[in-house]
PDB file of N, CA and C in Angstrom:
ATOM      1  N   MET A   1       1.250  18.360  23.598  1.00  0.00           N
ATOM      2  CA  MET A   1       1.093  17.148  22.812  1.00  0.00           C
ATOM      3  C   MET A   1      -0.087  17.327  21.861  1.00  0.00           C
ATOM      4  N   SER A   2       0.119  16.965  20.612  1.00  0.00           N
ATOM      5  CA  SER A   2      -0.915  17.104  19.596  1.00  0.00           C
ATOM      6  C   SER A   2      -1.626  15.762  19.403  1.00  0.00           C
ATOM      7  N   LEU A   3      -2.931  15.786  19.459  1.00  0.00           N
ATOM      8  CA  LEU A   3      -3.709  14.580  19.229  1.00  0.00           C
ATOM      9  C   LEU A   3      -4.291  14.617  17.835  1.00  0.00           C
ATOM     10  N   SER A   4      -4.183  13.514  17.132  1.00  0.00           N
ATOM     11  CA  SER A   4      -4.746  13.418  15.798  1.00  0.00           C
ATOM     12  C   SER A   4      -6.215  13.020  15.898  1.00  0.00           C
ATOM     13  N   LEU A   5      -7.035  13.607  15.058  1.00  0.00           N
ATOM     14  CA  LEU A   5      -8.438  13.244  15.010  1.00  0.00           C
ATOM     15  C   LEU A   5      -8.696  12.175  13.962  1.00  0.00           C
ATOM     16  N   GLU A   6      -7.646  11.760  13.274  1.00  0.00           N
ATOM     17  CA  GLU A   6      -7.792  10.727  12.258  1.00  0.00           C
ATOM     18  C   GLU A   6      -7.888   9.356  12.914  1.00  0.00           C
ATOM     19  N   PRO A   7      -8.680   8.473  12.327  1.00  0.00           N
ATOM     20  CA  PRO A   7      -8.733   7.105  12.846  1.00  0.00           C
ATOM     21  C   PRO A   7      -7.356   6.444  12.758  1.00  0.00           C
ATOM     22  N   LEU A   8      -7.025   5.675  13.773  1.00  0.00           N
ATOM     23  CA  LEU A   8      -5.714   5.022  13.811  1.00  0.00           C
ATOM     24  C   LEU A   8      -5.509   4.058  12.655  1.00  0.00           C
ATOM     25  N   ASP A   9      -6.573   3.419  12.176  1.00  0.00           N
ATOM     26  CA  ASP A   9      -6.382   2.492  11.061  1.00  0.00           C
ATOM     27  C   ASP A   9      -5.955   3.226   9.793  1.00  0.00           C
ATOM     28  N   ASP A  10      -6.414   4.477   9.609  1.00  0.00           N
ATOM     29  CA  ASP A  10      -5.959   5.267   8.458  1.00  0.00           C
ATOM     30  C   ASP A  10      -4.472   5.590   8.578  1.00  0.00           C
ATOM     31  N   ILE A  11      -4.065   5.999   9.759  1.00  0.00           N
ATOM     32  CA  ILE A  11      -2.659   6.324  10.001  1.00  0.00           C
ATOM     33  C   ILE A  11      -1.795   5.078   9.820  1.00  0.00           C
ATOM     34  N   ALA A  12      -2.265   3.955  10.357  1.00  0.00           N
ATOM     35  CA  ALA A  12      -1.507   2.700  10.263  1.00  0.00           C
ATOM     36  C   ALA A  12      -1.389   2.221   8.820  1.00  0.00           C
ATOM     37  N   ARG A  13      -2.462   2.382   8.026  1.00  0.00           N
ATOM     38  CA  ARG A  13      -2.385   1.931   6.629  1.00  0.00           C
ATOM     39  C   ARG A  13      -1.264   2.634   5.886  1.00  0.00           C
ATOM     40  N   LEU A  14      -1.071   3.923   6.134  1.00  0.00           N
ATOM     41  CA  LEU A  14       0.014   4.639   5.464  1.00  0.00           C
ATOM     42  C   LEU A  14       1.370   4.224   6.032  1.00  0.00           C
ATOM     43  N   ARG A  15       1.502   4.222   7.319  1.00  0.00           N
ATOM     44  CA  ARG A  15       2.819   3.915   7.908  1.00  0.00           C
ATOM     45  C   ARG A  15       3.262   2.492   7.599  1.00  0.00           C
ATOM     46  N   TYR A  16       2.397   1.519   7.830  1.00  0.00           N
ATOM     47  CA  TYR A  16       2.777   0.137   7.537  1.00  0.00           C
ATOM     48  C   TYR A  16       2.816  -0.122   6.044  1.00  0.00           C
ATOM     49  N   GLY A  17       1.944   0.551   5.302  1.00  0.00           N
ATOM     50  CA  GLY A  17       1.970   0.418   3.845  1.00  0.00           C
ATOM     51  C   GLY A  17       3.298   0.860   3.267  1.00  0.00           C
ATOM     52  N   ARG A  18       3.851   1.945   3.794  1.00  0.00           N
ATOM     53  CA  ARG A  18       5.147   2.441   3.307  1.00  0.00           C
ATOM     54  C   ARG A  18       6.269   1.454   3.643  1.00  0.00           C
ATOM     55  N   ILE A  19       6.190   0.827   4.804  1.00  0.00           N
ATOM     56  CA  ILE A  19       7.199  -0.176   5.181  1.00  0.00           C
ATOM     57  C   ILE A  19       7.109  -1.380   4.247  1.00  0.00           C
ATOM     58  N   LEU A  20       5.904  -1.892   4.039  1.00  0.00           N
ATOM     59  CA  LEU A  20       5.720  -3.062   3.180  1.00  0.00           C
ATOM     60  C   LEU A  20       6.056  -2.752   1.725  1.00  0.00           C
ATOM     61  N   TRP A  21       5.779  -1.538   1.285  1.00  0.00           N
ATOM     62  CA  TRP A  21       5.989  -1.140  -0.109  1.00  0.00           C
ATOM     63  C   TRP A  21       7.460  -1.214  -0.512  1.00  0.00           C
ATOM     64  N   LYS A  22       8.358  -1.089   0.450  1.00  0.00           N
ATOM     65  CA  LYS A  22       9.793  -1.135   0.146  1.00  0.00           C
ATOM     66  C   LYS A  22      10.243  -2.511  -0.319  1.00  0.00           C
ATOM     67  N   ASN A  23       9.503  -3.544   0.032  1.00  0.00           N
ATOM     68  CA  ASN A  23       9.833  -4.910  -0.364  1.00  0.00           C
ATOM     69  C   ASN A  23       9.147  -5.206  -1.701  1.00  0.00           C
ATOM     70  N   PRO A  24       9.918  -5.446  -2.773  1.00  0.00           N
ATOM     71  CA  PRO A  24       9.307  -5.644  -4.100  1.00  0.00           C
ATOM     72  C   PRO A  24       8.293  -6.789  -4.151  1.00  0.00           C
ATOM     73  N   THR A  25       8.553  -7.862  -3.429  1.00  0.00           N
ATOM     74  CA  THR A  25       7.614  -8.987  -3.427  1.00  0.00           C
ATOM     75  C   THR A  25       6.314  -8.592  -2.745  1.00  0.00           C
ATOM     76  N   MET A  26       6.417  -7.918  -1.620  1.00  0.00           N
ATOM     77  CA  MET A  26       5.217  -7.494  -0.907  1.00  0.00           C
ATOM     78  C   MET A  26       4.456  -6.443  -1.710  1.00  0.00           C
ATOM     79  N   ARG A  27       5.179  -5.546  -2.367  1.00  0.00           N
ATOM     80  CA  ARG A  27       4.531  -4.539  -3.215  1.00  0.00           C
ATOM     81  C   ARG A  27       3.716  -5.221  -4.312  1.00  0.00           C
ATOM     82  N   ALA A  28       4.294  -6.230  -4.946  1.00  0.00           N
ATOM     83  CA  ALA A  28       3.586  -6.963  -5.996  1.00  0.00           C
ATOM     84  C   ALA A  28       2.356  -7.672  -5.429  1.00  0.00           C
ATOM     85  N   ARG A  29       2.483  -8.220  -4.239  1.00  0.00           N
ATOM     86  CA  ARG A  29       1.336  -8.897  -3.596  1.00  0.00           C
ATOM     87  C   ARG A  29       0.228  -7.898  -3.272  1.00  0.00           C
ATOM     88  N   LEU A  30       0.600  -6.726  -2.752  1.00  0.00           N
ATOM     89  CA  LEU A  30      -0.410  -5.720  -2.438  1.00  0.00           C
ATOM     90  C   LEU A  30      -1.147  -5.282  -3.706  1.00  0.00           C
ATOM     91  N   ILE A  31      -0.393  -5.033  -4.770  1.00  0.00           N
ATOM     92  CA  ILE A  31      -1.028  -4.623  -6.027  1.00  0.00           C
ATOM     93  C   ILE A  31      -1.940  -5.727  -6.548  1.00  0.00           C
ATOM     94  N   ALA A  32      -1.484  -6.972  -6.505  1.00  0.00           N
ATOM     95  CA  ALA A  32      -2.320  -8.089  -6.947  1.00  0.00           C
ATOM     96  C   ALA A  32      -3.591  -8.180  -6.106  1.00  0.00           C
ATOM     97  N   HIS A  33      -3.447  -7.978  -4.814  1.00  0.00           N
ATOM     98  CA  HIS A  33      -4.595  -8.044  -3.903  1.00  0.00           C
ATOM     99  C   HIS A  33      -5.580  -6.902  -4.166  1.00  0.00           C
ATOM    100  N   TRP A  34      -5.053  -5.687  -4.267  1.00  0.00           N
ATOM    101  CA  TRP A  34      -5.920  -4.524  -4.443  1.00  0.00           C
ATOM    102  C   TRP A  34      -6.577  -4.469  -5.819  1.00  0.00           C
ATOM    103  N   THR A  35      -5.996  -5.144  -6.810  1.00  0.00           N
ATOM    104  CA  THR A  35      -6.595  -5.155  -8.152  1.00  0.00           C
ATOM    105  C   THR A  35      -7.418  -6.418  -8.402  1.00  0.00           C
ATOM    106  N   ASP A  36      -7.469  -7.295  -7.420  1.00  0.00           N
ATOM    107  CA  ASP A  36      -8.282  -8.512  -7.517  1.00  0.00           C
ATOM    108  C   ASP A  36      -9.757  -8.116  -7.636  1.00  0.00           C
ATOM    109  N   PRO A  37     -10.474  -8.702  -8.581  1.00  0.00           N
ATOM    110  CA  PRO A  37     -11.898  -8.348  -8.749  1.00  0.00           C
ATOM    111  C   PRO A  37     -12.736  -8.562  -7.481  1.00  0.00           C
ATOM    112  N   ARG A  38     -12.288  -9.408  -6.568  1.00  0.00           N
ATOM    113  CA  ARG A  38     -13.041  -9.650  -5.338  1.00  0.00           C
ATOM    114  C   ARG A  38     -12.839  -8.551  -4.299  1.00  0.00           C
ATOM    115  N   HIS A  39     -11.813  -7.726  -4.481  1.00  0.00           N
ATOM    116  CA  HIS A  39     -11.540  -6.692  -3.471  1.00  0.00           C
ATOM    117  C   HIS A  39     -12.609  -5.602  -3.566  1.00  0.00           C
ATOM    118  N   PRO A  40     -13.290  -5.314  -2.451  1.00  0.00           N
ATOM    119  CA  PRO A  40     -14.388  -4.342  -2.502  1.00  0.00           C
ATOM    120  C   PRO A  40     -13.965  -2.914  -2.828  1.00  0.00           C
ATOM    121  N   TYR A  41     -12.680  -2.578  -2.668  1.00  0.00           N
ATOM    122  CA  TYR A  41     -12.210  -1.222  -2.963  1.00  0.00           C
ATOM    123  C   TYR A  41     -11.363  -1.173  -4.229  1.00  0.00           C
ATOM    124  N   ARG A  42     -11.455  -2.195  -5.042  1.00  0.00           N
ATOM    125  CA  ARG A  42     -10.654  -2.294  -6.267  1.00  0.00           C
ATOM    126  C   ARG A  42     -10.820  -1.064  -7.151  1.00  0.00           C
ATOM    127  N   ASP A  43     -12.046  -0.681  -7.448  1.00  0.00           N
ATOM    128  CA  ASP A  43     -12.283   0.452  -8.352  1.00  0.00           C
ATOM    129  C   ASP A  43     -11.748   1.752  -7.772  1.00  0.00           C
ATOM    130  N   ARG A  44     -11.903   1.935  -6.473  1.00  0.00           N
ATOM    131  CA  ARG A  44     -11.365   3.142  -5.824  1.00  0.00           C
ATOM    132  C   ARG A  44      -9.849   3.160  -5.913  1.00  0.00           C
ATOM    133  N   PHE A  45      -9.228   1.982  -5.705  1.00  0.00           N
ATOM    134  CA  PHE A  45      -7.768   1.915  -5.814  1.00  0.00           C
ATOM    135  C   PHE A  45      -7.339   2.256  -7.237  1.00  0.00           C
ATOM    136  N   LEU A  46      -7.978   1.652  -8.217  1.00  0.00           N
ATOM    137  CA  LEU A  46      -7.586   1.886  -9.605  1.00  0.00           C
ATOM    138  C   LEU A  46      -7.738   3.354  -9.985  1.00  0.00           C
ATOM    139  N   ALA A  47      -8.770   4.006  -9.480  1.00  0.00           N
ATOM    140  CA  ALA A  47      -8.985   5.424  -9.787  1.00  0.00           C
ATOM    141  C   ALA A  47      -7.914   6.319  -9.162  1.00  0.00           C
ATOM    142  N   GLN A  48      -7.362   5.891  -8.024  1.00  0.00           N
ATOM    143  CA  GLN A  48      -6.374   6.697  -7.300  1.00  0.00           C
ATOM    144  C   GLN A  48      -4.985   6.049  -7.286  1.00  0.00           C
ATOM    145  N   ARG A  49      -4.803   5.021  -8.090  1.00  0.00           N
ATOM    146  CA  ARG A  49      -3.578   4.212  -8.008  1.00  0.00           C
ATOM    147  C   ARG A  49      -2.302   5.040  -8.092  1.00  0.00           C
ATOM    148  N   HIS A  50      -2.233   5.963  -9.018  1.00  0.00           N
ATOM    149  CA  HIS A  50      -1.007   6.743  -9.216  1.00  0.00           C
ATOM    150  C   HIS A  50      -0.617   7.499  -7.948  1.00  0.00           C
ATOM    151  N   ILE A  51      -1.568   8.191  -7.348  1.00  0.00           N
ATOM    152  CA  ILE A  51      -1.240   9.004  -6.174  1.00  0.00           C
ATOM    153  C   ILE A  51      -1.021   8.139  -4.933  1.00  0.00           C
ATOM    154  N   ILE A  52      -1.718   7.012  -4.833  1.00  0.00           N
ATOM    155  CA  ILE A  52      -1.490   6.086  -3.714  1.00  0.00           C
ATOM    156  C   ILE A  52      -0.083   5.512  -3.809  1.00  0.00           C
ATOM    157  N   GLU A  53       0.314   5.064  -4.997  1.00  0.00           N
ATOM    158  CA  GLU A  53       1.658   4.521  -5.169  1.00  0.00           C
ATOM    159  C   GLU A  53       2.717   5.595  -4.928  1.00  0.00           C
ATOM    160  N   PHE A  54       2.436   6.826  -5.329  1.00  0.00           N
ATOM    161  CA  PHE A  54       3.357   7.932  -5.052  1.00  0.00           C
ATOM    162  C   PHE A  54       3.565   8.082  -3.553  1.00  0.00           C
ATOM    163  N   ALA A  55       2.478   8.097  -2.789  1.00  0.00           N
ATOM    164  CA  ALA A  55       2.571   8.271  -1.336  1.00  0.00           C
ATOM    165  C   ALA A  55       3.285   7.096  -0.680  1.00  0.00           C
ATOM    166  N   LEU A  56       2.978   5.877  -1.116  1.00  0.00           N
ATOM    167  CA  LEU A  56       3.602   4.703  -0.497  1.00  0.00           C
ATOM    168  C   LEU A  56       5.091   4.606  -0.819  1.00  0.00           C
ATOM    169  N   SER A  57       5.473   5.038  -1.996  1.00  0.00           N
ATOM    170  CA  SER A  57       6.877   4.888  -2.407  1.00  0.00           C
ATOM    171  C   SER A  57       7.743   6.096  -2.055  1.00  0.00           C
ATOM    172  N   SER A  58       7.134   7.172  -1.629  1.00  0.00           N
ATOM    173  CA  SER A  58       7.889   8.385  -1.349  1.00  0.00           C
ATOM    174  C   SER A  58       8.808   8.231  -0.135  1.00  0.00           C
ATOM    175  N   PRO A  59      10.068   8.656  -0.270  1.00  0.00           N
ATOM    176  CA  PRO A  59      10.979   8.627   0.878  1.00  0.00           C
ATOM    177  C   PRO A  59      10.804   9.844   1.795  1.00  0.00           C
ATOM    178  N   LEU A  60       9.937  10.765   1.405  1.00  0.00           N
ATOM    179  CA  LEU A  60       9.750  11.991   2.184  1.00  0.00           C
ATOM    180  C   LEU A  60       9.119  11.718   3.540  1.00  0.00           C
ATOM    181  N   PRO A  61       9.540  12.447   4.560  1.00  0.00           N
ATOM    182  CA  PRO A  61       8.832  12.367   5.843  1.00  0.00           C
ATOM    183  C   PRO A  61       7.404  12.910   5.655  1.00  0.00           C
ATOM    184  N   GLU A  62       6.505  12.525   6.532  1.00  0.00           N
ATOM    185  CA  GLU A  62       5.099  12.884   6.353  1.00  0.00           C
ATOM    186  C   GLU A  62       4.838  14.384   6.172  1.00  0.00           C
ATOM    187  N   PRO A  63       5.477  15.284   6.913  1.00  0.00           N
ATOM    188  CA  PRO A  63       5.205  16.719   6.669  1.00  0.00           C
ATOM    189  C   PRO A  63       5.579  17.159   5.248  1.00  0.00           C
ATOM    190  N   GLU A  64       6.689  16.651   4.739  1.00  0.00           N
ATOM    191  CA  GLU A  64       7.095  17.000   3.376  1.00  0.00           C
ATOM    192  C   GLU A  64       6.221  16.295   2.340  1.00  0.00           C
ATOM    193  N   LEU A  65       5.790  15.080   2.653  1.00  0.00           N
ATOM    194  CA  LEU A  65       4.880  14.361   1.765  1.00  0.00           C
ATOM    195  C   LEU A  65       3.561  15.113   1.661  1.00  0.00           C
ATOM    196  N   GLU A  66       3.100  15.658   2.781  1.00  0.00           N
ATOM    197  CA  GLU A  66       1.870  16.471   2.785  1.00  0.00           C
ATOM    198  C   GLU A  66       2.007  17.629   1.800  1.00  0.00           C
ATOM    199  N   THR A  67       3.135  18.312   1.829  1.00  0.00           N
ATOM    200  CA  THR A  67       3.374  19.441   0.920  1.00  0.00           C
ATOM    201  C   THR A  67       3.358  18.971  -0.533  1.00  0.00           C
ATOM    202  N   ALA A  68       4.036  17.865  -0.810  1.00  0.00           N
ATOM    203  CA  ALA A  68       4.087  17.340  -2.181  1.00  0.00           C
ATOM    204  C   ALA A  68       2.696  16.928  -2.664  1.00  0.00           C
ATOM    205  N   LEU A  69       1.918  16.312  -1.790  1.00  0.00           N
ATOM    206  CA  LEU A  69       0.568  15.900  -2.174  1.00  0.00           C
ATOM    207  C   LEU A  69      -0.326  17.105  -2.444  1.00  0.00           C
ATOM    208  N   ARG A  70      -0.180  18.139  -1.638  1.00  0.00           N
ATOM    209  CA  ARG A  70      -0.991  19.345  -1.830  1.00  0.00           C
ATOM    210  C   ARG A  70      -0.698  19.997  -3.179  1.00  0.00           C
ATOM    211  N   GLU A  71       0.541  19.873  -3.651  1.00  0.00           N
ATOM    212  CA  GLU A  71       0.888  20.407  -4.970  1.00  0.00           C
ATOM    213  C   GLU A  71       0.124  19.689  -6.079  1.00  0.00           C
ATOM    214  N   HIS A  72      -0.350  18.471  -5.788  1.00  0.00           N
ATOM    215  CA  HIS A  72      -1.120  17.675  -6.758  1.00  0.00           C
ATOM    216  C   HIS A  72      -2.612  17.675  -6.434  1.00  0.00           C
ATOM    217  N   GLY A  73      -3.016  18.549  -5.497  1.00  0.00           N
ATOM    218  CA  GLY A  73      -4.431  18.658  -5.166  1.00  0.00           C
ATOM    219  C   GLY A  73      -4.949  17.619  -4.187  1.00  0.00           C
ATOM    220  N   HIS A  74      -4.065  16.989  -3.428  1.00  0.00           N
ATOM    221  CA  HIS A  74      -4.457  15.966  -2.460  1.00  0.00           C
ATOM    222  C   HIS A  74      -3.922  16.353  -1.087  1.00  0.00           C
ATOM    223  N   THR A  75      -4.387  15.655  -0.078  1.00  0.00           N
ATOM    224  CA  THR A  75      -3.845  15.817   1.269  1.00  0.00           C
ATOM    225  C   THR A  75      -3.459  14.452   1.803  1.00  0.00           C
ATOM    226  N   LEU A  76      -2.583  14.464   2.761  1.00  0.00           N
ATOM    227  CA  LEU A  76      -2.158  13.217   3.383  1.00  0.00           C
ATOM    228  C   LEU A  76      -3.350  12.502   4.015  1.00  0.00           C
ATOM    229  N   ARG A  77      -4.216  13.269   4.627  1.00  0.00           N
ATOM    230  CA  ARG A  77      -5.390  12.669   5.263  1.00  0.00           C
ATOM    231  C   ARG A  77      -6.264  11.927   4.249  1.00  0.00           C
ATOM    232  N   THR A  78      -6.514  12.526   3.092  1.00  0.00           N
ATOM    233  CA  THR A  78      -7.361  11.852   2.107  1.00  0.00           C
ATOM    234  C   THR A  78      -6.659  10.647   1.498  1.00  0.00           C
ATOM    235  N   ILE A  79      -5.360  10.744   1.285  1.00  0.00           N
ATOM    236  CA  ILE A  79      -4.628   9.609   0.711  1.00  0.00           C
ATOM    237  C   ILE A  79      -4.595   8.443   1.692  1.00  0.00           C
ATOM    238  N   ARG A  80      -4.422   8.738   2.981  1.00  0.00           N
ATOM    239  CA  ARG A  80      -4.457   7.659   3.986  1.00  0.00           C
ATOM    240  C   ARG A  80      -5.757   6.875   3.887  1.00  0.00           C
ATOM    241  N   ARG A  81      -6.840   7.583   3.643  1.00  0.00           N
ATOM    242  CA  ARG A  81      -8.153   6.932   3.572  1.00  0.00           C
ATOM    243  C   ARG A  81      -8.329   6.170   2.266  1.00  0.00           C
ATOM    244  N   GLU A  82      -7.575   6.522   1.244  1.00  0.00           N
ATOM    245  CA  GLU A  82      -7.707   5.849  -0.056  1.00  0.00           C
ATOM    246  C   GLU A  82      -6.875   4.577  -0.156  1.00  0.00           C
ATOM    247  N   ILE A  83      -5.919   4.390   0.730  1.00  0.00           N
ATOM    248  CA  ILE A  83      -5.123   3.157   0.701  1.00  0.00           C
ATOM    249  C   ILE A  83      -6.039   2.009   1.109  1.00  0.00           C
ATOM    250  N   PRO A  84      -6.232   1.038   0.234  1.00  0.00           N
ATOM    251  CA  PRO A  84      -7.182  -0.032   0.549  1.00  0.00           C
ATOM    252  C   PRO A  84      -6.693  -0.909   1.704  1.00  0.00           C
ATOM    253  N   PRO A  85      -7.622  -1.450   2.457  1.00  0.00           N
ATOM    254  CA  PRO A  85      -7.229  -2.405   3.490  1.00  0.00           C
ATOM    255  C   PRO A  85      -6.836  -3.736   2.853  1.00  0.00           C
ATOM    256  N   VAL A  86      -6.203  -4.565   3.646  1.00  0.00           N
ATOM    257  CA  VAL A  86      -5.841  -5.919   3.206  1.00  0.00           C
ATOM    258  C   VAL A  86      -6.806  -6.884   3.888  1.00  0.00           C
ATOM    259  N   PHE A  87      -7.403  -7.751   3.095  1.00  0.00           N
ATOM    260  CA  PHE A  87      -8.342  -8.738   3.616  1.00  0.00           C
ATOM    261  C   PHE A  87      -7.669 -10.102   3.622  1.00  0.00           C
ATOM    262  N   GLY A  88      -7.489 -10.652   4.795  1.00  0.00           N
ATOM    263  CA  GLY A  88      -6.792 -11.918   4.947  1.00  0.00           C
ATOM    264  C   GLY A  88      -7.423 -13.084   4.228  1.00  0.00           C
ATOM    265  N   GLN A  89      -8.746 -13.021   3.997  1.00  0.00           N
ATOM    266  CA  GLN A  89      -9.425 -14.144   3.377  1.00  0.00           C
ATOM    267  C   GLN A  89      -8.794 -14.541   2.044  1.00  0.00           C
ATOM    268  N   PHE A  90      -8.371 -13.564   1.262  1.00  0.00           N
ATOM    269  CA  PHE A  90      -7.765 -13.929  -0.020  1.00  0.00           C
ATOM    270  C   PHE A  90      -6.407 -13.289  -0.261  1.00  0.00           C
ATOM    271  N   PHE A  91      -5.889 -12.517   0.685  1.00  0.00           N
ATOM    272  CA  PHE A  91      -4.543 -11.962   0.522  1.00  0.00           C
ATOM    273  C   PHE A  91      -3.505 -13.076   0.476  1.00  0.00           C
ATOM    274  N   HIS A  92      -3.705 -14.124   1.283  1.00  0.00           N
ATOM    275  CA  HIS A  92      -2.729 -15.222   1.300  1.00  0.00           C
ATOM    276  C   HIS A  92      -2.597 -15.881  -0.067  1.00  0.00           C
ATOM    277  N   GLU A  93      -3.619 -15.793  -0.906  1.00  0.00           N
ATOM    278  CA  GLU A  93      -3.559 -16.391  -2.243  1.00  0.00           C
ATOM    279  C   GLU A  93      -2.556 -15.674  -3.145  1.00  0.00           C
ATOM    280  N   THR A  94      -2.272 -14.411  -2.861  1.00  0.00           N
ATOM    281  CA  THR A  94      -1.338 -13.666  -3.706  1.00  0.00           C
ATOM    282  C   THR A  94       0.077 -14.200  -3.579  1.00  0.00           C
ATOM    283  N   GLN A  95       0.356 -14.911  -2.495  1.00  0.00           N
ATOM    284  CA  GLN A  95       1.695 -15.475  -2.308  1.00  0.00           C
ATOM    285  C   GLN A  95       2.035 -16.441  -3.438  1.00  0.00           C
ATOM    286  N   ASN A  96       1.056 -17.128  -3.968  1.00  0.00           N
ATOM    287  CA  ASN A  96       1.281 -18.088  -5.048  1.00  0.00           C
ATOM    288  C   ASN A  96       1.407 -17.422  -6.414  1.00  0.00           C
ATOM    289  N   LEU A  97       1.010 -16.164  -6.504  1.00  0.00           N
ATOM    290  CA  LEU A  97       1.055 -15.461  -7.784  1.00  0.00           C
ATOM    291  C   LEU A  97       2.405 -14.835  -8.079  1.00  0.00           C
ATOM    292  N   ILE A  98       3.177 -14.590  -7.028  1.00  0.00           N
ATOM    293  CA  ILE A  98       4.431 -13.857  -7.164  1.00  0.00           C
ATOM    294  C   ILE A  98       5.601 -14.827  -7.049  1.00  0.00           C
ATOM    295  N   PRO A  99       6.495 -14.889  -8.054  1.00  0.00           N
ATOM    296  CA  PRO A  99       7.655 -15.778  -7.946  1.00  0.00           C
ATOM    297  C   PRO A  99       8.559 -15.361  -6.794  1.00  0.00           C
ATOM    298  N   SER A 100       9.133 -16.327  -6.150  1.00  0.00           N
ATOM    299  CA  SER A 100      10.020 -16.060  -5.022  1.00  0.00           C
ATOM    300  C   SER A 100      11.334 -15.484  -5.519  1.00  0.00           C
ATOM    301  N   HIS A 101      11.855 -14.515  -4.763  1.00  0.00           N
ATOM    302  CA  HIS A 101      13.156 -13.922  -5.077  1.00  0.00           C
ATOM    303  C   HIS A 101      14.198 -14.355  -4.063  1.00  0.00           C
ATOM    304  N   HIS A 102      13.871 -15.385  -3.299  1.00  0.00           N
ATOM    305  CA  HIS A 102      14.794 -15.884  -2.293  1.00  0.00           C
ATOM    306  C   HIS A 102      15.547 -17.078  -2.877  1.00  0.00           C
ATOM    307  N   PRO A 103      16.875 -16.960  -3.085  1.00  0.00           N
ATOM    308  CA  PRO A 103      17.636 -18.043  -3.709  1.00  0.00           C
ATOM    309  C   PRO A 103      17.485 -19.379  -2.988  1.00  0.00           C
ATOM    310  N   GLN A 104      17.452 -19.370  -1.653  1.00  0.00           N
ATOM    311  CA  GLN A 104      17.353 -20.623  -0.936  1.00  0.00           C
ATOM    312  C   GLN A 104      16.019 -21.309  -1.190  1.00  0.00           C
ATOM    313  N   GLU A 105      14.935 -20.556  -1.399  1.00  0.00           N
ATOM    314  CA  GLU A 105      13.639 -21.155  -1.725  1.00  0.00           C
ATOM    315  C   GLU A 105      13.670 -21.755  -3.111  1.00  0.00           C
ATOM    316  N   ASN A 106      14.307 -21.046  -4.070  1.00  0.00           N
ATOM    317  CA  ASN A 106      14.383 -21.549  -5.428  1.00  0.00           C
ATOM    318  C   ASN A 106      15.213 -22.827  -5.499  1.00  0.00           C
ATOM    319  N   GLN A 107      16.247 -22.963  -4.670  1.00  0.00           N
ATOM    320  CA  GLN A 107      17.068 -24.161  -4.660  1.00  0.00           C
ATOM    321  C   GLN A 107      16.258 -25.364  -4.201  1.00  0.00           C
ATOM    322  N   HIS A 108      15.373 -25.169  -3.229  1.00  0.00           N
ATOM    323  CA  HIS A 108      14.569 -26.264  -2.711  1.00  0.00           C
ATOM    324  C   HIS A 108      13.522 -26.726  -3.733  1.00  0.00           C
ATOM    325  N   GLN A 109      13.171 -25.862  -4.664  1.00  0.00           N
ATOM    326  CA  GLN A 109      12.154 -26.197  -5.631  1.00  0.00           C
ATOM    327  C   GLN A 109      12.705 -26.989  -6.811  1.00  0.00           C
ATOM    328  N   ARG A 110      14.026 -27.087  -6.913  1.00  0.00           N
ATOM    329  CA  ARG A 110      14.649 -27.784  -8.067  1.00  0.00           C
ATOM    330  C   ARG A 110      14.578 -29.269  -7.911  1.00  0.00           C
TER     331      ARG A 110
END
């Protein structure tokens, strides 16, 4: 059995980030949250945005994603650490910024 020396929160940010990224509404909320001027890692996200979005949107399994990232001068370990955390204090505010794509919600708003 192989034990990872990486912190579990780094591993979780990539795994759960990839799951959430598949949902267009959640992806928009994450981007709005991470680019919010109040987010303490905003500048780091903006500097690495392209490669972070590549990793989150990639359908490749992690070993193949590692290979693809290395071709661009990155590693999976470093990208995991660059994915910003989500802060509940103001993440909930992003829900109001993104229009709903659920037809039943739009019907209730009429």
